[in-house]
Amino acid sequence: MTRERHLSFGGVTRQVLIAGGGLGGLAAGVACTRAGWDARLYEQAAQFSEFGAGIQLGPNATRILQGWGLGRELELVAAFPPWLRVRRAADAAPLGRLRLGPAFASRYGAPYATVHRADLQGLLLGAARQAGVHLKLSSRVMAVLPSSDAIGLRIAGDLEVEGDALIGADGLWSAVRSQVCSDGPPAFTGHLAYRALAVQADLPAALRSPEVTVWLGERLHVVAYPVRRGEWLNVVAIVEGKAPGRVEDWDQAAAGAELLRALGRQCAPLQDLVRAMPNWRLWALHDRPPMASADEMVRGRAVLLGDAAHPMRPYFAQGAGMAIEDAAALGGTLAMAADAGLDVPLALRRYALKRWERCARVQERSRRNGRIFHATGLMRWGRDLSLRLLGETLLDQPWLYRGPAR
């Protein structure tokens, strides 16, 4: 068995182990190295890659990327929609709108961006490499190895590594969480997400859009927005149904005909959009209940981040944003710990205490939005009336976009 020991003694830089090389893990690596820690990231895949899906980033997340010096890189790959518009799926009637673009960026000090997931990962991967994060591929976590003054990982292939702290950033089906929390797997929500990407120039002119459009129907909704500098359109349709195939697989092949059947008798523009989008993919949405305490994010020298800590439904468009916020908060706490001479477990607990309530609030709002988006009967009627009367007030979220309290 090969052992790597990366522990700090006598003032030497402390070492943090990171399980997972997705958006949260790479962001954590950037934040920890900025805090003066030596970061070692272990990713089970043979290469860094992301499936083709879009992400919405509010000012609470883009502000952090700007603070890390990544604002220009984001501008080169993202789109910056001028409006968010909500329509009724049955007849395309407008329900509400929120002005984004320069006015929104001025209000919150950072823009609202839409970006291809692979482009955001590439941006964070470049930043991690530049920061000096040690990136280890083909490194599947097999076990967490705690001790009194360190924490370790056993990696497939009989490699053991040790450090001062461990970050579980290995996503919804986190191996780290399963070992340090032992609280079972996430639960299926009863919702299925279909997604597709298309070059806008290949779509009929009437279907191209620089905006975020949300279509609300009974027991379903569809979101469309631009990515890749506005050159591509990302569409996500969420319907209610039974989980297909392997629930852990979030990139299953799907047919547009299946989605059209699930949509039923919605308006012609929405059906035209679904027909025009190629290569539909499917995944079954899973989550966990909103966190109830900081204990769900920290256990001794192990902390959880992003989906490993607080997986959430996509109805608030904040999954990636919360992971980036987590990383920034953890980096700030670790930097403060070094300055104040705090021991590692205490510093990690401070991180969890700073994060759990805000993340739980976003988890709960995500669930609530799902109920509102998919409403039927009187609730749907009340939703539509409220959006018509108070659209911008309801759609804007100052408490969220201003970022966490410092």
Protein backbone atom coordinates (compact mmCIF):
# COMPACT_ATOMS: atom_id res chain seq x y z
CA MET A 1 0.00 0.00 0.00
CA THR A 2 1.33 3.43 -0.97
CA ARG A 3 0.96 6.26 1.53
CA GLU A 4 1.16 9.99 0.96
CA ARG A 5 1.28 12.11 4.09
CA HIS A 6 0.63 15.81 3.64
CA LEU A 7 0.41 17.25 7.14
CA SER A 8 1.57 20.60 8.45
CA PHE A 9 4.07 20.94 11.26
CA GLY A 10 5.89 23.91 12.70
CA GLY A 11 4.14 26.61 10.72
CA VAL A 12 4.28 24.81 7.38
CA THR A 13 1.25 25.46 5.12
CA ARG A 14 -1.70 23.30 6.06
CA GLN A 15 -3.03 20.72 3.64
CA VAL A 16 -6.65 20.22 2.61
CA LEU A 17 -7.92 17.16 0.74
CA ILE A 18 -10.83 17.70 -1.67
CA ALA A 19 -12.99 14.82 -2.88
CA GLY A 20 -14.63 15.70 -6.20
CA GLY A 21 -13.53 17.68 -9.23
CA GLY A 22 -16.83 19.25 -10.28
CA LEU A 23 -17.76 22.90 -9.94
CA GLY A 24 -17.83 22.83 -6.13
CA GLY A 25 -14.55 20.97 -5.74
CA LEU A 26 -12.66 23.20 -8.17
CA ALA A 27 -14.11 26.33 -6.56
CA ALA A 28 -13.06 24.99 -3.16
CA GLY A 29 -9.55 24.39 -4.46
CA VAL A 30 -9.31 27.98 -5.70
CA ALA A 31 -10.68 29.39 -2.44
CA CYS A 32 -8.46 27.28 -0.19
CA THR A 33 -5.27 28.12 -2.05
CA ARG A 34 -6.21 31.78 -1.91
CA ALA A 35 -6.49 31.29 1.86
CA GLY A 36 -2.92 30.02 2.00
CA TRP A 37 -3.66 26.30 2.23
CA ASP A 38 -2.16 23.60 0.05
CA ALA A 39 -5.06 21.91 -1.78
CA ARG A 40 -5.05 18.36 -3.16
CA LEU A 41 -8.07 17.42 -5.23
CA TYR A 42 -9.07 13.82 -6.03
CA GLU A 43 -11.47 13.20 -8.94
CA GLN A 44 -12.67 9.70 -9.83
CA ALA A 45 -13.03 10.37 -13.57
CA ALA A 46 -10.11 9.96 -15.95
CA GLN A 47 -10.50 13.55 -17.17
CA PHE A 48 -12.23 16.75 -16.16
CA SER A 49 -15.43 16.93 -18.14
CA GLU A 50 -19.01 18.12 -17.73
CA PHE A 51 -22.16 17.06 -19.53
CA GLY A 52 -23.75 19.70 -21.70
CA ALA A 53 -26.18 21.62 -19.52
CA GLY A 54 -26.77 25.24 -18.74
CA ILE A 55 -26.41 27.05 -15.44
CA GLN A 56 -27.88 30.33 -14.24
CA LEU A 57 -25.60 32.40 -11.99
CA GLY A 58 -27.05 35.24 -9.95
CA PRO A 59 -24.99 38.21 -8.72
CA ASN A 60 -24.33 36.37 -5.45
CA ALA A 61 -22.17 33.92 -7.45
CA THR A 62 -20.76 36.13 -10.22
CA ARG A 63 -19.57 38.62 -7.58
CA ILE A 64 -17.39 35.88 -6.08
CA LEU A 65 -15.98 34.92 -9.48
CA GLN A 66 -15.14 38.56 -10.10
CA GLY A 67 -13.43 38.70 -6.71
CA TRP A 68 -11.27 35.75 -7.75
CA GLY A 69 -10.20 37.64 -10.86
CA LEU A 70 -12.41 35.57 -13.19
CA GLY A 71 -14.81 38.28 -14.33
CA ARG A 72 -13.19 38.73 -17.73
CA GLU A 73 -13.04 34.98 -18.35
CA LEU A 74 -16.74 34.71 -17.50
CA GLU A 75 -17.58 37.50 -19.96
CA LEU A 76 -15.86 35.53 -22.73
CA VAL A 77 -17.98 32.38 -22.31
CA ALA A 78 -21.30 33.41 -20.73
CA ALA A 79 -24.45 35.16 -21.89
CA PHE A 80 -25.99 38.06 -19.99
CA PRO A 81 -29.75 38.05 -20.66
CA PRO A 82 -31.53 41.42 -20.64
CA TRP A 83 -34.82 40.01 -19.28
CA LEU A 84 -36.37 37.11 -17.41
CA ARG A 85 -39.93 36.56 -18.66
CA VAL A 86 -42.57 34.22 -17.28
CA ARG A 87 -45.33 32.90 -19.54
CA ARG A 88 -48.25 30.54 -19.15
CA ALA A 89 -47.50 27.27 -20.91
CA ALA A 90 -51.10 26.69 -21.99
CA ASP A 91 -51.43 29.80 -24.18
CA ALA A 92 -48.09 31.71 -24.00
CA ALA A 93 -49.78 34.59 -22.11
CA PRO A 94 -47.23 36.84 -20.35
CA LEU A 95 -47.38 36.62 -16.56
CA GLY A 96 -44.42 38.61 -15.26
CA ARG A 97 -40.95 39.85 -16.06
CA LEU A 98 -37.73 40.94 -14.35
CA ARG A 99 -35.26 43.33 -15.94
CA LEU A 100 -31.76 41.87 -15.86
CA GLY A 101 -28.82 43.20 -17.91
CA PRO A 102 -26.95 46.38 -16.91
CA ALA A 103 -29.69 47.63 -14.58
CA PHE A 104 -29.59 44.44 -12.55
CA ALA A 105 -25.78 44.43 -12.48
CA SER A 106 -25.79 48.02 -11.25
CA ARG A 107 -28.29 47.21 -8.49
CA TYR A 108 -26.29 44.27 -7.13
CA GLY A 109 -22.74 45.09 -8.16
CA ALA A 110 -22.43 42.00 -10.37
CA PRO A 111 -24.30 40.61 -13.39
CA TYR A 112 -26.83 37.84 -13.89
CA ALA A 113 -25.17 35.31 -16.21
CA THR A 114 -26.18 32.12 -18.01
CA VAL A 115 -23.38 29.75 -18.88
CA HIS A 116 -22.73 26.28 -20.25
CA ARG A 117 -21.70 24.01 -17.38
CA ALA A 118 -18.60 22.80 -19.25
CA ASP A 119 -17.50 26.40 -19.84
CA LEU A 120 -17.82 27.24 -16.14
CA GLN A 121 -15.90 24.13 -15.20
CA GLY A 122 -13.18 25.04 -17.70
CA LEU A 123 -12.94 28.51 -16.19
CA LEU A 124 -12.61 27.12 -12.64
CA LEU A 125 -10.19 24.39 -13.77
CA GLY A 126 -7.90 26.99 -15.29
CA ALA A 127 -8.07 29.05 -12.09
CA ALA A 128 -7.31 25.98 -9.97
CA ARG A 129 -4.28 25.11 -12.06
CA GLN A 130 -3.02 28.67 -11.94
CA ALA A 131 -3.49 28.74 -8.18
CA GLY A 132 -1.43 25.58 -7.77
CA VAL A 133 -4.12 23.10 -6.76
CA HIS A 134 -2.76 19.54 -7.06
CA LEU A 135 -5.22 17.76 -9.36
CA LYS A 136 -5.39 13.97 -9.17
CA LEU A 137 -7.53 12.15 -11.77
CA SER A 138 -8.68 8.52 -11.77
CA SER A 139 -8.79 8.74 -7.97
CA ARG A 140 -11.95 7.15 -6.65
CA VAL A 141 -12.56 7.66 -2.92
CA MET A 142 -13.02 4.31 -1.20
CA ALA A 143 -12.89 5.28 2.47
CA VAL A 144 -12.50 8.23 4.84
CA LEU A 145 -9.82 7.66 7.49
CA PRO A 146 -10.22 9.97 10.50
CA SER A 147 -7.70 10.27 13.33
CA SER A 148 -7.14 12.62 16.25
CA ASP A 149 -4.80 15.05 14.49
CA ALA A 150 -5.46 14.39 10.79
CA ILE A 151 -7.91 12.97 8.28
CA GLY A 152 -7.23 10.73 5.35
CA LEU A 153 -8.66 9.13 2.24
CA ARG A 154 -8.17 5.69 0.83
CA ILE A 155 -8.08 5.93 -2.95
CA ALA A 156 -8.75 3.02 -5.30
CA GLY A 157 -5.45 1.30 -6.06
CA ASP A 158 -4.32 1.10 -2.42
CA LEU A 159 -3.24 4.71 -2.05
CA GLU A 160 -3.77 6.45 1.30
CA VAL A 161 -3.42 10.21 1.66
CA GLU A 162 -3.61 12.38 4.78
CA GLY A 163 -4.19 16.06 5.40
CA ASP A 164 -5.38 18.52 8.00
CA ALA A 165 -8.93 18.78 6.61
CA LEU A 166 -11.20 17.04 4.11
CA ILE A 167 -13.79 18.69 1.87
CA GLY A 168 -16.50 16.42 0.52
CA ALA A 169 -17.43 18.10 -2.77
CA ASP A 170 -18.34 14.88 -4.55
CA GLY A 171 -21.91 15.75 -5.43
CA LEU A 172 -25.39 14.37 -4.88
CA TRP A 173 -24.24 10.76 -4.41
CA SER A 174 -21.33 11.77 -2.18
CA ALA A 175 -19.09 8.93 -0.98
CA VAL A 176 -17.70 11.23 1.71
CA ARG A 177 -21.16 12.04 3.06
CA SER A 178 -22.17 8.39 3.10
CA GLN A 179 -19.21 7.64 5.38
CA VAL A 180 -19.10 10.65 7.68
CA CYS A 181 -22.87 11.15 8.05
CA SER A 182 -24.34 7.68 7.33
CA ASP A 183 -27.74 9.23 6.63
CA GLY A 184 -28.71 7.25 3.56
CA PRO A 185 -29.08 8.25 -0.10
CA PRO A 186 -31.00 11.27 -1.44
CA ALA A 187 -34.67 10.76 -2.30
CA PHE A 188 -36.37 10.86 -5.68
CA THR A 189 -38.56 13.97 -5.97
CA GLY A 190 -41.09 12.58 -8.43
CA HIS A 191 -39.85 15.05 -11.05
CA LEU A 192 -38.01 14.30 -14.30
CA ALA A 193 -35.80 16.84 -16.07
CA TYR A 194 -35.35 16.81 -19.85
CA ARG A 195 -32.61 19.03 -21.28
CA ALA A 196 -31.32 19.91 -24.72
CA LEU A 197 -28.90 22.35 -26.34
CA ALA A 198 -28.97 23.82 -29.83
CA VAL A 199 -27.03 26.38 -31.83
CA GLN A 200 -29.40 29.32 -32.09
CA ALA A 201 -28.56 29.90 -35.76
CA ASP A 202 -29.88 26.39 -36.49
CA LEU A 203 -33.27 27.15 -34.94
CA PRO A 204 -36.18 28.92 -36.64
CA ALA A 205 -35.91 32.67 -36.06
CA ALA A 206 -39.05 32.72 -33.90
CA LEU A 207 -37.46 30.32 -31.41
CA ARG A 208 -34.17 32.14 -30.93
CA SER A 209 -33.88 34.26 -27.81
CA PRO A 210 -31.36 36.29 -25.79
CA GLU A 211 -33.63 36.12 -22.73
CA VAL A 212 -34.51 33.73 -19.92
CA THR A 213 -38.04 32.45 -20.54
CA VAL A 214 -39.97 30.38 -18.01
CA TRP A 215 -43.15 28.59 -19.12
CA LEU A 216 -45.44 27.53 -16.24
CA GLY A 217 -47.96 24.73 -16.71
CA GLU A 218 -49.94 22.29 -14.61
CA ARG A 219 -47.50 19.81 -13.04
CA LEU A 220 -44.73 20.99 -15.37
CA HIS A 221 -42.56 23.91 -16.41
CA VAL A 222 -39.97 24.70 -19.08
CA VAL A 223 -37.00 27.09 -18.91
CA ALA A 224 -35.04 28.37 -21.93
CA TYR A 225 -32.01 30.67 -21.91
CA PRO A 226 -28.88 31.44 -23.96
CA VAL A 227 -25.38 30.15 -23.20
CA ARG A 228 -21.97 30.40 -24.88
CA ARG A 229 -22.08 34.15 -25.53
CA GLY A 230 -25.69 33.79 -26.60
CA GLU A 231 -24.81 31.55 -29.55
CA TRP A 232 -26.51 28.45 -28.06
CA LEU A 233 -29.93 27.94 -26.48
CA ASN A 234 -30.34 25.71 -23.42
CA VAL A 235 -33.80 24.28 -22.70
CA VAL A 236 -34.84 22.35 -19.58
CA ALA A 237 -38.32 20.87 -19.19
CA ILE A 238 -39.40 19.40 -15.86
CA VAL A 239 -42.41 17.12 -15.63
CA GLU A 240 -43.79 14.79 -12.98
CA GLY A 241 -43.34 11.05 -13.43
CA LYS A 242 -41.62 7.83 -12.40
CA ALA A 243 -37.85 7.50 -12.25
CA PRO A 244 -36.44 5.74 -15.33
CA GLY A 245 -33.33 3.57 -15.54
CA ARG A 246 -30.49 4.05 -13.06
CA VAL A 247 -31.40 6.90 -10.74
CA GLU A 248 -27.73 7.88 -10.33
CA ASP A 249 -27.39 8.52 -14.09
CA TRP A 250 -28.15 12.15 -14.84
CA ASP A 251 -27.37 11.88 -18.56
CA GLN A 252 -29.79 9.32 -19.96
CA ALA A 253 -30.89 9.47 -23.59
CA ALA A 254 -34.46 10.65 -24.12
CA ALA A 255 -36.80 11.23 -27.03
CA GLY A 256 -38.51 14.52 -27.75
CA ALA A 257 -41.70 12.55 -28.45
CA GLU A 258 -41.72 11.39 -24.81
CA LEU A 259 -41.50 14.97 -23.63
CA LEU A 260 -44.24 16.12 -26.00
CA ARG A 261 -46.53 13.44 -24.60
CA ALA A 262 -45.71 14.59 -21.06
CA LEU A 263 -46.39 18.23 -21.97
CA GLY A 264 -49.80 17.45 -23.36
CA ARG A 265 -51.84 20.28 -24.90
CA GLN A 266 -49.56 23.24 -24.27
CA CYS A 267 -49.26 26.25 -26.56
CA ALA A 268 -47.90 25.91 -30.10
CA PRO A 269 -44.74 28.02 -29.53
CA LEU A 270 -43.69 25.76 -26.65
CA GLN A 271 -44.38 22.59 -28.63
CA ASP A 272 -42.47 24.03 -31.59
CA LEU A 273 -39.50 24.68 -29.30
CA VAL A 274 -39.49 21.12 -27.99
CA ARG A 275 -39.69 19.70 -31.53
CA ALA A 276 -36.85 21.91 -32.75
CA MET A 277 -34.38 20.98 -29.99
CA PRO A 278 -32.08 18.01 -30.82
CA ASN A 279 -30.66 15.24 -28.63
CA TRP A 280 -32.84 15.40 -25.55
CA ARG A 281 -31.28 14.00 -22.36
CA LEU A 282 -33.03 12.99 -19.16
CA TRP A 283 -32.35 12.69 -15.47
CA ALA A 284 -34.44 11.97 -12.38
CA LEU A 285 -34.29 14.75 -9.80
CA HIS A 286 -33.25 13.84 -6.26
CA ASP A 287 -32.74 15.96 -3.17
CA ARG A 288 -32.60 15.93 0.62
CA PRO A 289 -34.75 17.83 3.12
CA PRO A 290 -33.53 21.34 3.99
CA MET A 291 -30.73 21.17 6.52
CA ALA A 292 -31.75 21.39 10.17
CA SER A 293 -28.38 22.21 11.74
CA ALA A 294 -24.69 22.83 11.13
CA ASP A 295 -24.01 19.20 12.03
CA GLU A 296 -25.15 18.21 8.54
CA MET A 297 -22.17 20.08 7.04
CA VAL A 298 -19.30 19.24 9.40
CA ARG A 299 -17.99 16.25 11.32
CA GLY A 300 -14.64 16.89 12.97
CA ARG A 301 -12.08 17.54 10.23
CA ALA A 302 -14.51 16.69 7.41
CA VAL A 303 -16.85 19.27 5.83
CA LEU A 304 -19.38 19.00 3.04
CA LEU A 305 -19.87 21.51 0.25
CA GLY A 306 -22.35 22.03 -2.57
CA ASP A 307 -24.63 19.14 -3.54
CA ALA A 308 -22.88 16.81 -1.10
CA ALA A 309 -24.12 19.06 1.71
CA HIS A 310 -27.41 20.52 0.49
CA PRO A 311 -28.70 19.08 -2.80
CA MET A 312 -31.63 21.18 -3.96
CA ARG A 313 -34.27 21.18 -6.64
CA PRO A 314 -33.49 23.45 -9.60
CA TYR A 315 -36.51 25.76 -9.18
CA PHE A 316 -34.45 28.60 -7.71
CA ALA A 317 -31.48 28.23 -10.10
CA GLN A 318 -29.03 28.27 -7.18
CA GLY A 319 -27.32 24.87 -7.06
CA ALA A 320 -24.06 26.12 -8.58
CA GLY A 321 -24.40 29.48 -6.83
CA MET A 322 -24.60 27.89 -3.38
CA ALA A 323 -21.56 25.70 -4.12
CA ILE A 324 -19.54 28.77 -5.13
CA GLU A 325 -20.76 30.61 -2.03
CA ASP A 326 -19.77 27.60 0.11
CA ALA A 327 -16.27 27.60 -1.37
CA ALA A 328 -15.78 31.31 -0.79
CA ALA A 329 -17.06 31.06 2.80
CA LEU A 330 -14.81 28.09 3.53
CA GLY A 331 -11.79 29.87 2.09
CA GLY A 332 -12.53 32.95 4.19
CA THR A 333 -12.94 30.86 7.34
CA LEU A 334 -9.70 28.97 6.75
CA ALA A 335 -7.81 32.22 6.17
CA MET A 336 -9.23 33.67 9.38
CA ALA A 337 -8.40 30.47 11.25
CA ALA A 338 -4.76 30.74 10.25
CA ASP A 339 -4.62 34.37 11.37
CA ALA A 340 -6.40 33.67 14.67
CA GLY A 341 -4.61 30.40 15.40
CA LEU A 342 -7.85 28.37 15.55
CA ASP A 343 -7.62 24.61 15.45
CA VAL A 344 -8.95 23.00 12.29
CA PRO A 345 -12.15 21.37 13.62
CA LEU A 346 -13.24 24.65 15.22
CA ALA A 347 -12.55 26.57 12.01
CA LEU A 348 -14.56 24.07 9.96
CA ARG A 349 -17.46 24.27 12.39
CA ARG A 350 -17.47 28.05 12.02
CA TYR A 351 -17.84 27.57 8.28
CA ALA A 352 -20.84 25.29 8.81
CA LEU A 353 -22.43 27.71 11.27
CA LYS A 354 -22.08 30.52 8.71
CA ARG A 355 -23.61 28.51 5.87
CA TRP A 356 -26.30 26.08 6.98
CA GLU A 357 -29.21 28.46 7.57
CA ARG A 358 -28.82 30.33 4.28
CA CYS A 359 -28.45 27.07 2.35
CA ALA A 360 -31.48 25.57 4.12
CA ARG A 361 -33.49 28.66 3.19
CA VAL A 362 -32.54 28.25 -0.46
CA GLN A 363 -33.40 24.54 -0.32
CA GLU A 364 -36.83 25.34 1.09
CA ARG A 365 -37.46 28.13 -1.44
CA SER A 366 -36.50 25.76 -4.23
CA ARG A 367 -39.10 23.25 -3.06
CA ARG A 368 -41.70 26.00 -2.62
CA ASN A 369 -41.03 27.33 -6.12
CA GLY A 370 -41.58 23.84 -7.51
CA ARG A 371 -45.03 23.70 -5.94
CA ILE A 372 -45.84 27.16 -7.33
CA PHE A 373 -44.43 26.47 -10.80
CA HIS A 374 -46.47 23.25 -11.13
CA ALA A 375 -49.64 24.54 -9.44
CA THR A 376 -53.13 23.50 -10.47
CA GLY A 377 -56.62 24.79 -9.68
CA LEU A 378 -57.03 27.81 -7.40
CA MET A 379 -53.33 27.91 -6.54
CA ARG A 380 -52.47 28.27 -10.25
CA TRP A 381 -55.05 31.05 -10.63
CA GLY A 382 -53.62 32.90 -7.62
CA ARG A 383 -50.07 32.46 -8.91
CA ASP A 384 -50.90 33.92 -12.30
CA LEU A 385 -52.75 36.89 -10.79
CA SER A 386 -49.92 37.62 -8.36
CA LEU A 387 -47.33 37.55 -11.14
CA ARG A 388 -49.37 39.93 -13.27
CA LEU A 389 -49.78 42.41 -10.41
CA LEU A 390 -46.38 42.08 -8.68
CA GLY A 391 -44.13 40.43 -11.26
CA GLU A 392 -40.83 42.22 -10.65
CA THR A 393 -41.35 42.36 -6.89
CA LEU A 394 -41.95 38.60 -6.74
CA LEU A 395 -39.20 37.63 -9.17
CA ASP A 396 -36.44 39.76 -7.67
CA GLN A 397 -34.76 38.33 -4.56
CA PRO A 398 -32.59 41.00 -2.89
CA TRP A 399 -31.82 38.84 0.17
CA LEU A 400 -30.34 36.23 -2.17
CA TYR A 401 -28.58 38.33 -4.79
CA ARG A 402 -26.86 40.62 -2.28
CA GLY A 403 -25.03 37.57 -1.03
CA PRO A 404 -24.59 36.19 2.49
CA ALA A 405 -24.09 38.48 5.45
CA ARG A 406 -20.45 38.98 6.28
